[in-house]
Amino acid sequence: MSLKKKLIRLAYERPDLRSKIVPILAEQERLRVAAEKATKVTFMQAVLDRPEQLKEWVMSQSGVPSMTGWDFKCHHMTLEFFGGKGNASSLEPYAEYLGNSYVLDITGIAFDEYCCAVVLDTKLPVKKKHPHITIAVNGVKPSYSNDLLKNGISLPVKGKVRVTVGYFDGRGGGDKFEFPHDYKG
């Protein structure tokens, strides 16, 4: 008899234990369903360890305009964007980095009336020409920062930021920092 069947039987025989058994069964089912789903990778990322700290640091820099009322992002640096096409094998080029923390150098702050981003110097494998973290946007999407950075750095600065490499699956499960069940690397 399977463990699941034994737990169900025990729950019927011992009503006093049901409140402890039902959550175990629910978690087992959640794990089973998750294991059957193929991993989706929307993008690889280097996630800020302390986003509030970077936000405050940027706003304290001389020459940076007020961002009152803006939509603060300040979450990650995209290493590679896969859209809807990434899967567990997409993690292969990042296998040595996944889950590890790194300190990156901030070399500048770019901004205009729509966006503010910090420019980074990094040895991480970034597919973008200008590695950066979007700090905040004003009426545009965060991807606007890529266009902003084509015009150069507006304000040279020096700073550091700590990140951890992970991926986002687009399923609302948050940032992931470990290899998924279907990774074959």
Protein backbone atom coordinates (compact mmCIF):
# COMPACT_ATOMS: atom_id res chain seq x y z
CA MET A 1 0.00 0.00 0.00
CA SER A 2 1.35 3.46 -0.92
CA LEU A 3 2.15 6.10 1.67
CA LYS A 4 -0.67 8.27 0.32
CA LYS A 5 -3.21 5.47 0.79
CA LYS A 6 -1.90 4.76 4.28
CA LEU A 7 -2.24 8.42 5.26
CA ILE A 8 -5.79 8.62 3.86
CA ARG A 9 -6.76 5.47 5.75
CA LEU A 10 -5.20 6.82 8.94
CA ALA A 11 -7.10 10.12 8.54
CA TYR A 12 -10.40 8.21 8.35
CA GLU A 13 -9.54 5.97 11.28
CA ARG A 14 -8.14 8.76 13.46
CA PRO A 15 -10.17 11.98 13.11
CA ASP A 16 -7.98 13.57 15.78
CA LEU A 17 -5.00 13.39 13.34
CA ARG A 18 -6.80 14.75 10.24
CA SER A 19 -5.64 18.32 10.77
CA LYS A 20 -2.05 17.06 10.64
CA ILE A 21 -2.48 14.56 7.78
CA VAL A 22 -4.43 16.70 5.29
CA PRO A 23 -1.65 19.32 4.89
CA ILE A 24 0.88 16.53 4.30
CA LEU A 25 -1.31 15.05 1.56
CA ALA A 26 -1.84 18.47 -0.02
CA GLU A 27 1.90 19.16 -0.07
CA GLN A 28 2.62 15.74 -1.59
CA GLU A 29 0.12 16.48 -4.36
CA ARG A 30 1.58 19.94 -4.98
CA LEU A 31 5.08 18.46 -5.29
CA ARG A 32 3.85 15.72 -7.63
CA VAL A 33 2.16 18.21 -9.95
CA ALA A 34 5.20 20.53 -9.91
CA ALA A 35 7.52 17.66 -10.75
CA GLU A 36 5.43 16.72 -13.79
CA LYS A 37 5.55 20.24 -15.26
CA ALA A 38 8.46 21.07 -17.53
CA THR A 39 10.57 23.96 -16.29
CA LYS A 40 10.05 27.27 -18.04
CA VAL A 41 12.83 29.86 -18.01
CA THR A 42 11.74 33.37 -18.98
CA PHE A 43 15.10 34.98 -18.23
CA MET A 44 18.38 34.47 -16.42
CA GLN A 45 19.10 37.18 -13.87
CA ALA A 46 21.42 38.49 -11.21
CA VAL A 47 19.04 39.41 -8.37
CA LEU A 48 19.90 42.22 -5.96
CA ASP A 49 20.49 41.04 -2.41
CA ARG A 50 19.39 44.44 -0.99
CA PRO A 51 17.27 46.38 -3.50
CA GLU A 52 16.21 49.07 -1.02
CA GLN A 53 19.84 49.85 -0.30
CA LEU A 54 20.61 50.40 -4.01
CA LYS A 55 17.49 52.53 -4.47
CA GLU A 56 18.49 54.78 -1.56
CA TRP A 57 22.10 54.97 -2.78
CA VAL A 58 21.05 56.06 -6.27
CA MET A 59 18.67 58.71 -4.93
CA SER A 60 21.42 60.09 -2.70
CA GLN A 61 23.85 60.63 -5.58
CA SER A 62 24.50 64.23 -6.54
CA GLY A 63 22.94 65.17 -9.89
CA VAL A 64 20.27 62.45 -9.94
CA PRO A 65 16.82 63.99 -10.47
CA SER A 66 13.85 63.30 -8.22
CA MET A 67 11.97 60.11 -9.03
CA THR A 68 8.93 60.91 -6.92
CA GLY A 69 5.89 59.11 -8.33
CA TRP A 70 7.97 56.79 -10.52
CA ASP A 71 7.56 53.01 -10.60
CA PHE A 72 10.60 51.56 -8.82
CA LYS A 73 11.90 48.26 -10.21
CA CYS A 74 15.36 47.89 -8.67
CA HIS A 75 15.33 44.08 -8.66
CA HIS A 76 17.78 42.42 -11.07
CA MET A 77 20.20 42.60 -13.97
CA THR A 78 19.01 40.49 -16.90
CA LEU A 79 21.72 38.11 -18.10
CA GLU A 80 19.69 36.65 -20.96
CA PHE A 81 16.05 36.98 -22.00
CA PHE A 82 14.39 33.84 -23.40
CA GLY A 83 10.79 35.00 -23.58
CA GLY A 84 8.53 31.98 -23.77
CA LYS A 85 11.22 29.75 -25.29
CA GLY A 86 13.49 28.98 -22.33
CA ASN A 87 13.53 25.61 -20.58
CA ALA A 88 15.72 23.68 -18.14
CA SER A 89 18.46 23.19 -20.77
CA SER A 90 18.67 27.00 -21.14
CA LEU A 91 20.40 27.00 -17.74
CA GLU A 92 23.45 25.11 -19.06
CA PRO A 93 25.61 28.18 -19.92
CA TYR A 94 24.93 29.49 -16.40
CA ALA A 95 25.47 26.26 -14.46
CA GLU A 96 28.64 27.46 -12.72
CA TYR A 97 26.92 30.72 -11.68
CA LEU A 98 23.43 29.60 -10.60
CA GLY A 99 22.86 30.22 -6.89
CA ASN A 100 26.20 31.99 -6.37
CA SER A 101 26.58 35.57 -5.11
CA TYR A 102 28.82 38.20 -6.69
CA VAL A 103 29.80 41.80 -6.00
CA LEU A 104 29.49 43.98 -9.10
CA ASP A 105 30.93 47.44 -9.71
CA ILE A 106 28.58 50.31 -10.46
CA THR A 107 30.23 52.60 -13.02
CA GLY A 108 27.47 55.05 -13.84
CA ILE A 109 23.88 56.19 -13.59
CA ALA A 110 21.93 56.88 -16.77
CA PHE A 111 18.65 58.78 -16.63
CA ASP A 112 16.20 60.91 -18.52
CA GLU A 113 12.60 61.97 -17.83
CA TYR A 114 11.40 58.36 -18.31
CA CYS A 115 13.95 56.05 -16.75
CA CYS A 116 16.88 55.66 -14.37
CA ALA A 117 19.36 52.76 -14.49
CA VAL A 118 22.74 51.95 -12.98
CA VAL A 119 25.46 50.72 -15.33
CA LEU A 120 27.51 47.76 -14.13
CA ASP A 121 30.93 46.33 -14.82
CA THR A 122 30.72 42.56 -14.49
CA LYS A 123 32.44 39.34 -15.49
CA LEU A 124 29.09 37.51 -15.47
CA PRO A 125 27.95 36.24 -18.89
CA VAL A 126 25.57 39.03 -19.91
CA LYS A 127 24.03 38.93 -23.40
CA LYS A 128 23.26 42.66 -23.41
CA LYS A 129 25.71 45.28 -24.65
CA HIS A 130 25.19 47.44 -21.55
CA PRO A 131 24.86 45.45 -18.30
CA HIS A 132 22.57 47.39 -15.98
CA ILE A 133 19.85 47.38 -13.36
CA THR A 134 16.73 49.43 -14.05
CA ILE A 135 16.08 51.50 -10.95
CA ALA A 136 12.78 53.19 -11.86
CA VAL A 137 10.57 54.06 -14.83
CA ASN A 138 8.12 56.87 -15.49
CA GLY A 139 5.42 55.82 -17.97
CA VAL A 140 7.59 53.36 -19.91
CA LYS A 141 8.44 49.67 -19.62
CA PRO A 142 11.67 48.63 -17.87
CA SER A 143 13.08 47.51 -21.24
CA TYR A 144 13.29 51.22 -22.14
CA SER A 145 16.53 51.29 -20.14
CA ASN A 146 18.22 49.45 -23.04
CA ASP A 147 17.42 52.41 -25.32
CA LEU A 148 18.47 54.87 -22.63
CA LEU A 149 21.90 53.25 -22.32
CA LYS A 150 22.58 53.48 -26.06
CA ASN A 151 23.05 57.22 -25.47
CA GLY A 152 25.88 56.73 -22.97
CA ILE A 153 26.31 57.23 -19.26
CA SER A 154 24.92 60.51 -17.96
CA LEU A 155 26.65 60.48 -14.58
CA PRO A 156 29.85 58.55 -13.79
CA VAL A 157 29.80 57.15 -10.25
CA LYS A 158 31.52 54.41 -8.29
CA GLY A 159 29.73 51.92 -6.12
CA LYS A 160 29.17 48.23 -5.49
CA VAL A 161 26.17 45.96 -5.41
CA ARG A 162 25.75 42.32 -4.36
CA VAL A 163 23.68 39.97 -6.53
CA THR A 164 22.80 36.28 -6.66
CA VAL A 165 22.41 34.52 -10.01
CA GLY A 166 19.09 32.82 -10.66
CA TYR A 167 16.26 32.61 -13.12
CA PHE A 168 12.63 33.63 -13.39
CA ASP A 169 10.11 31.10 -14.63
CA GLY A 170 7.23 33.46 -15.38
CA ARG A 171 4.85 31.32 -13.34
CA GLY A 172 4.62 33.56 -10.32
CA GLY A 173 6.75 31.28 -8.20
CA GLY A 174 9.34 33.97 -7.64
CA ASP A 175 13.06 33.92 -8.29
CA LYS A 176 14.72 30.51 -8.54
CA PHE A 177 18.30 29.86 -7.47
CA GLU A 178 18.54 26.07 -7.74
CA PHE A 179 18.50 23.65 -10.65
CA PRO A 180 14.98 22.41 -11.48
CA HIS A 181 13.91 18.78 -11.36
CA ASP A 182 14.22 18.37 -15.15
CA TYR A 183 17.71 19.86 -15.56
CA LYS A 184 19.97 17.28 -17.18
CA GLY A 185 23.34 19.11 -17.05
